[in-house]
Amino acid sequence: MIRGNEDPLFHSYQIKLAMADPTYKAVLDKARPAGWQRVERDLKAASVSLGTASESIQFMQIGLHCRELLRTLAQTVYDPARHLPKEGKVPSSADAVGMLEAYFNVELPGKSGKSARQHAKTTVDLANALTHDRNATLGEAQRCLRSTEAAVDLVANLAGRKSEPSPKKPIRRKTRPGKA
């Protein structure tokens, strides 16, 4: 059974309504965020899910969150006209690794960008592995999410986006007895 939001006729009707009524378009755009707004929303959702996860199936879902988030990130920054792949094969819209690799090849070329490219690929691999690991653990889910956050921060930095600094806890230095 096709649900309303998956039906092509329903979708075309939504587009027609959006074109005819600017108010409807604004509501539709807000309901389906895109680009960086969606990346940030999905990152927050993955973090909240991790905070409540307690079973392997829930840890697997963190991997799925991260995998989809990385795909959205790649789709957000990848420009097929600017980020040409080395082999000439244009990545599909579902190929997060291919899009991110093409992005990094242009934005961080050569040896200096090699680690970033490897990090992006490894992060996608971590998310894929976690998604399919029936014995997933909290530690694996945490590593996957932290790696995904780092990949998002790296790409945001390259794209010129300012990310909000994480609140830093004050460092308490231990003092030795007799010393101030």
C-alpha atoms as a PDB file:
ATOM      1  CA  MET A   1       0.000   0.000   0.000  1.00  0.00           C
ATOM      2  CA  ILE A   2       1.352   3.422  -0.929  1.00  0.00           C
ATOM      3  CA  ARG A   3       1.164   6.056   1.791  1.00  0.00           C
ATOM      4  CA  GLY A   4       0.087   9.579   0.829  1.00  0.00           C
ATOM      5  CA  ASN A   5       3.567  11.109   0.988  1.00  0.00           C
ATOM      6  CA  GLU A   6       5.042   8.347  -1.245  1.00  0.00           C
ATOM      7  CA  ASP A   7       2.382   8.514  -3.975  1.00  0.00           C
ATOM      8  CA  PRO A   8       3.708  10.273  -7.107  1.00  0.00           C
ATOM      9  CA  LEU A   9       0.292  11.835  -7.752  1.00  0.00           C
ATOM     10  CA  PHE A  10       0.169  13.179  -4.214  1.00  0.00           C
ATOM     11  CA  HIS A  11       3.692  14.574  -4.636  1.00  0.00           C
ATOM     12  CA  SER A  12       2.771  16.323  -7.907  1.00  0.00           C
ATOM     13  CA  TYR A  13      -0.307  17.739  -6.172  1.00  0.00           C
ATOM     14  CA  GLN A  14       1.916  19.118  -3.391  1.00  0.00           C
ATOM     15  CA  ILE A  15       4.146  20.786  -5.986  1.00  0.00           C
ATOM     16  CA  LYS A  16       1.128  22.365  -7.707  1.00  0.00           C
ATOM     17  CA  LEU A  17      -0.178  23.648  -4.370  1.00  0.00           C
ATOM     18  CA  ALA A  18       3.235  25.045  -3.479  1.00  0.00           C
ATOM     19  CA  MET A  19       3.440  26.880  -6.792  1.00  0.00           C
ATOM     20  CA  ALA A  20      -0.063  28.342  -6.377  1.00  0.00           C
ATOM     21  CA  ASP A  21       0.120  29.234  -2.693  1.00  0.00           C
ATOM     22  CA  PRO A  22       3.310  30.713  -1.199  1.00  0.00           C
ATOM     23  CA  THR A  23       2.035  30.026   2.333  1.00  0.00           C
ATOM     24  CA  TYR A  24       1.700  26.322   1.565  1.00  0.00           C
ATOM     25  CA  LYS A  25       5.196  26.320   0.042  1.00  0.00           C
ATOM     26  CA  ALA A  26       6.626  27.814   3.252  1.00  0.00           C
ATOM     27  CA  VAL A  27       4.877  25.171   5.361  1.00  0.00           C
ATOM     28  CA  LEU A  28       6.048  22.394   3.028  1.00  0.00           C
ATOM     29  CA  ASP A  29       9.652  23.666   3.079  1.00  0.00           C
ATOM     30  CA  LYS A  30       9.636  23.868   6.860  1.00  0.00           C
ATOM     31  CA  ALA A  31       8.242  20.346   7.187  1.00  0.00           C
ATOM     32  CA  ARG A  32      10.926  18.908   4.891  1.00  0.00           C
ATOM     33  CA  PRO A  33      14.181  20.662   5.696  1.00  0.00           C
ATOM     34  CA  ALA A  34      17.009  20.331   3.215  1.00  0.00           C
ATOM     35  CA  GLY A  35      20.738  20.880   3.102  1.00  0.00           C
ATOM     36  CA  TRP A  36      22.556  21.983   6.226  1.00  0.00           C
ATOM     37  CA  GLN A  37      19.335  22.385   8.180  1.00  0.00           C
ATOM     38  CA  ARG A  38      18.562  18.719   7.592  1.00  0.00           C
ATOM     39  CA  VAL A  39      22.138  17.652   8.409  1.00  0.00           C
ATOM     40  CA  GLU A  40      21.974  19.498  11.735  1.00  0.00           C
ATOM     41  CA  ARG A  41      18.502  18.135  12.517  1.00  0.00           C
ATOM     42  CA  ASP A  42      19.573  14.555  11.728  1.00  0.00           C
ATOM     43  CA  LEU A  43      22.761  14.896  13.781  1.00  0.00           C
ATOM     44  CA  LYS A  44      20.732  16.047  16.761  1.00  0.00           C
ATOM     45  CA  ALA A  45      18.239  13.186  16.271  1.00  0.00           C
ATOM     46  CA  ALA A  46      21.073  10.637  16.173  1.00  0.00           C
ATOM     47  CA  SER A  47      22.538  12.087  19.356  1.00  0.00           C
ATOM     48  CA  VAL A  48      19.168  11.937  21.136  1.00  0.00           C
ATOM     49  CA  SER A  49      18.669   8.351  19.929  1.00  0.00           C
ATOM     50  CA  LEU A  50      22.083   7.389  21.271  1.00  0.00           C
ATOM     51  CA  GLY A  51      21.159   8.841  24.661  1.00  0.00           C
ATOM     52  CA  THR A  52      18.135   6.557  24.924  1.00  0.00           C
ATOM     53  CA  ALA A  53      19.488   3.434  23.184  1.00  0.00           C
ATOM     54  CA  SER A  54      19.977   0.346  25.313  1.00  0.00           C
ATOM     55  CA  GLU A  55      19.660  -2.653  22.978  1.00  0.00           C
ATOM     56  CA  SER A  56      21.558  -3.820  19.905  1.00  0.00           C
ATOM     57  CA  ILE A  57      18.676  -3.029  17.534  1.00  0.00           C
ATOM     58  CA  GLN A  58      18.708   0.557  18.807  1.00  0.00           C
ATOM     59  CA  PHE A  59      22.481   0.747  18.337  1.00  0.00           C
ATOM     60  CA  MET A  60      21.990  -0.511  14.772  1.00  0.00           C
ATOM     61  CA  GLN A  61      19.528   2.340  14.239  1.00  0.00           C
ATOM     62  CA  ILE A  62      22.258   4.815  15.235  1.00  0.00           C
ATOM     63  CA  GLY A  63      24.300   3.386  12.360  1.00  0.00           C
ATOM     64  CA  LEU A  64      21.346   3.918  10.034  1.00  0.00           C
ATOM     65  CA  HIS A  65      20.942   7.496  11.291  1.00  0.00           C
ATOM     66  CA  CYS A  66      24.635   8.143  10.644  1.00  0.00           C
ATOM     67  CA  ARG A  67      24.589   6.516   7.208  1.00  0.00           C
ATOM     68  CA  GLU A  68      21.631   8.604   6.072  1.00  0.00           C
ATOM     69  CA  LEU A  69      23.116  11.708   7.644  1.00  0.00           C
ATOM     70  CA  LEU A  70      26.350  11.198   5.689  1.00  0.00           C
ATOM     71  CA  ARG A  71      24.351  10.769   2.491  1.00  0.00           C
ATOM     72  CA  THR A  72      22.520  14.034   3.205  1.00  0.00           C
ATOM     73  CA  LEU A  73      25.834  15.743   3.974  1.00  0.00           C
ATOM     74  CA  ALA A  74      27.314  14.525   0.692  1.00  0.00           C
ATOM     75  CA  GLN A  75      24.245  15.632  -1.264  1.00  0.00           C
ATOM     76  CA  THR A  76      24.420  19.042   0.413  1.00  0.00           C
ATOM     77  CA  VAL A  77      28.006  19.867  -0.570  1.00  0.00           C
ATOM     78  CA  TYR A  78      28.545  17.841  -3.734  1.00  0.00           C
ATOM     79  CA  ASP A  79      28.292  19.860  -6.940  1.00  0.00           C
ATOM     80  CA  PRO A  80      28.632  17.651 -10.037  1.00  0.00           C
ATOM     81  CA  ALA A  81      29.836  20.607 -12.116  1.00  0.00           C
ATOM     82  CA  ARG A  82      32.620  21.470  -9.650  1.00  0.00           C
ATOM     83  CA  HIS A  83      33.467  18.162  -7.957  1.00  0.00           C
ATOM     84  CA  LEU A  84      34.432  15.951 -10.851  1.00  0.00           C
ATOM     85  CA  PRO A  85      35.418  12.407  -9.869  1.00  0.00           C
ATOM     86  CA  LYS A  86      38.892  11.194 -10.839  1.00  0.00           C
ATOM     87  CA  GLU A  87      37.641   8.166 -12.765  1.00  0.00           C
ATOM     88  CA  GLY A  88      35.034  10.198 -14.630  1.00  0.00           C
ATOM     89  CA  LYS A  89      32.144   8.166 -13.203  1.00  0.00           C
ATOM     90  CA  VAL A  90      29.613  10.535 -11.663  1.00  0.00           C
ATOM     91  CA  PRO A  91      28.442   9.180  -8.281  1.00  0.00           C
ATOM     92  CA  SER A  92      24.747   8.462  -7.827  1.00  0.00           C
ATOM     93  CA  SER A  93      22.714  10.458  -5.305  1.00  0.00           C
ATOM     94  CA  ALA A  94      22.925   7.475  -2.929  1.00  0.00           C
ATOM     95  CA  ASP A  95      26.739   7.148  -3.175  1.00  0.00           C
ATOM     96  CA  ALA A  96      27.914   9.106  -0.123  1.00  0.00           C
ATOM     97  CA  VAL A  97      31.484   7.807  -0.435  1.00  0.00           C
ATOM     98  CA  GLY A  98      31.734   8.782  -4.104  1.00  0.00           C
ATOM     99  CA  MET A  99      30.277  12.250  -3.572  1.00  0.00           C
ATOM    100  CA  LEU A 100      32.419  12.968  -0.499  1.00  0.00           C
ATOM    101  CA  GLU A 101      35.548  11.654  -2.221  1.00  0.00           C
ATOM    102  CA  ALA A 102      34.915  13.889  -5.254  1.00  0.00           C
ATOM    103  CA  TYR A 103      34.237  16.806  -2.887  1.00  0.00           C
ATOM    104  CA  PHE A 104      37.491  16.264  -0.974  1.00  0.00           C
ATOM    105  CA  ASN A 105      39.485  15.747  -4.187  1.00  0.00           C
ATOM    106  CA  VAL A 106      38.621  19.328  -5.157  1.00  0.00           C
ATOM    107  CA  GLU A 107      38.440  21.003  -1.746  1.00  0.00           C
ATOM    108  CA  LEU A 108      41.447  19.186  -0.196  1.00  0.00           C
ATOM    109  CA  PRO A 109      43.547  17.934  -3.104  1.00  0.00           C
ATOM    110  CA  GLY A 110      46.766  15.950  -2.957  1.00  0.00           C
ATOM    111  CA  LYS A 111      48.503  14.380   0.000  1.00  0.00           C
ATOM    112  CA  SER A 112      47.183  16.938   2.473  1.00  0.00           C
ATOM    113  CA  GLY A 113      43.608  15.812   1.773  1.00  0.00           C
ATOM    114  CA  LYS A 114      44.311  12.097   1.848  1.00  0.00           C
ATOM    115  CA  SER A 115      43.487  11.721   5.544  1.00  0.00           C
ATOM    116  CA  ALA A 116      40.215  13.613   5.155  1.00  0.00           C
ATOM    117  CA  ARG A 117      39.190  11.405   2.252  1.00  0.00           C
ATOM    118  CA  GLN A 118      40.090   8.293   4.245  1.00  0.00           C
ATOM    119  CA  HIS A 119      38.172   9.594   7.265  1.00  0.00           C
ATOM    120  CA  ALA A 120      35.027  10.167   5.205  1.00  0.00           C
ATOM    121  CA  LYS A 121      35.206   6.688   3.673  1.00  0.00           C
ATOM    122  CA  THR A 122      35.936   5.057   7.029  1.00  0.00           C
ATOM    123  CA  THR A 123      33.032   6.913   8.637  1.00  0.00           C
ATOM    124  CA  VAL A 124      30.622   5.654   5.967  1.00  0.00           C
ATOM    125  CA  ASP A 125      32.079   2.140   6.431  1.00  0.00           C
ATOM    126  CA  LEU A 126      31.557   2.393  10.224  1.00  0.00           C
ATOM    127  CA  ALA A 127      27.929   3.455   9.745  1.00  0.00           C
ATOM    128  CA  ASN A 128      27.286   0.645   7.254  1.00  0.00           C
ATOM    129  CA  ALA A 129      28.890  -1.949   9.522  1.00  0.00           C
ATOM    130  CA  LEU A 130      26.942  -0.779  12.568  1.00  0.00           C
ATOM    131  CA  THR A 131      23.683  -0.776  10.614  1.00  0.00           C
ATOM    132  CA  HIS A 132      24.107  -4.484   9.835  1.00  0.00           C
ATOM    133  CA  ASP A 133      25.708  -5.676  13.096  1.00  0.00           C
ATOM    134  CA  ARG A 134      23.113  -7.687  15.024  1.00  0.00           C
ATOM    135  CA  ASN A 135      25.406  -7.635  18.061  1.00  0.00           C
ATOM    136  CA  ALA A 136      25.996  -3.863  17.983  1.00  0.00           C
ATOM    137  CA  THR A 137      27.168  -2.308  21.232  1.00  0.00           C
ATOM    138  CA  LEU A 138      26.898   1.095  22.848  1.00  0.00           C
ATOM    139  CA  GLY A 139      30.628   1.680  22.311  1.00  0.00           C
ATOM    140  CA  GLU A 140      30.347   0.987  18.582  1.00  0.00           C
ATOM    141  CA  ALA A 141      27.359   3.325  18.305  1.00  0.00           C
ATOM    142  CA  GLN A 142      29.249   6.051  20.179  1.00  0.00           C
ATOM    143  CA  ARG A 143      32.305   5.700  17.933  1.00  0.00           C
ATOM    144  CA  CYS A 144      30.142   5.797  14.827  1.00  0.00           C
ATOM    145  CA  LEU A 145      28.305   8.939  15.938  1.00  0.00           C
ATOM    146  CA  ARG A 146      31.521  10.717  17.013  1.00  0.00           C
ATOM    147  CA  SER A 147      33.169   9.880  13.701  1.00  0.00           C
ATOM    148  CA  THR A 148      30.101  11.166  11.857  1.00  0.00           C
ATOM    149  CA  GLU A 149      30.136  14.384  13.891  1.00  0.00           C
ATOM    150  CA  ALA A 150      33.813  14.869  13.032  1.00  0.00           C
ATOM    151  CA  ALA A 151      33.114  14.330   9.320  1.00  0.00           C
ATOM    152  CA  VAL A 152      30.262  16.855   9.439  1.00  0.00           C
ATOM    153  CA  ASP A 153      32.496  19.382  11.247  1.00  0.00           C
ATOM    154  CA  LEU A 154      35.269  18.910   8.696  1.00  0.00           C
ATOM    155  CA  VAL A 155      32.957  19.417   5.730  1.00  0.00           C
ATOM    156  CA  ALA A 156      31.226  22.363   7.429  1.00  0.00           C
ATOM    157  CA  ASN A 157      34.635  23.943   7.978  1.00  0.00           C
ATOM    158  CA  LEU A 158      35.598  23.444   4.336  1.00  0.00           C
ATOM    159  CA  ALA A 159      32.246  24.780   3.162  1.00  0.00           C
ATOM    160  CA  GLY A 160      32.746  27.924   5.242  1.00  0.00           C
ATOM    161  CA  ARG A 161      29.970  27.183   7.706  1.00  0.00           C
ATOM    162  CA  LYS A 162      30.439  28.272  11.250  1.00  0.00           C
ATOM    163  CA  SER A 163      29.563  25.608  13.749  1.00  0.00           C
ATOM    164  CA  GLU A 164      28.587  26.477  17.278  1.00  0.00           C
ATOM    165  CA  PRO A 165      31.463  25.735  19.617  1.00  0.00           C
ATOM    166  CA  SER A 166      30.754  22.994  22.077  1.00  0.00           C
ATOM    167  CA  PRO A 167      30.588  24.219  25.651  1.00  0.00           C
ATOM    168  CA  LYS A 168      33.915  23.668  27.297  1.00  0.00           C
ATOM    169  CA  LYS A 169      34.146  22.600  30.895  1.00  0.00           C
ATOM    170  CA  PRO A 170      36.721  24.469  32.910  1.00  0.00           C
ATOM    171  CA  ILE A 171      39.927  22.529  33.397  1.00  0.00           C
ATOM    172  CA  ARG A 172      40.644  21.855  37.011  1.00  0.00           C
ATOM    173  CA  ARG A 173      44.283  21.507  37.641  1.00  0.00           C
ATOM    174  CA  LYS A 174      45.357  19.287  40.467  1.00  0.00           C
ATOM    175  CA  THR A 175      47.655  20.996  42.865  1.00  0.00           C
ATOM    176  CA  ARG A 176      50.186  19.260  44.984  1.00  0.00           C
ATOM    177  CA  PRO A 177      49.975  19.656  48.736  1.00  0.00           C
ATOM    178  CA  GLY A 178      51.964  22.662  49.836  1.00  0.00           C
ATOM    179  CA  LYS A 179      51.834  24.326  46.401  1.00  0.00           C
ATOM    180  CA  ALA A 180      49.382  26.999  45.372  1.00  0.00           C
END
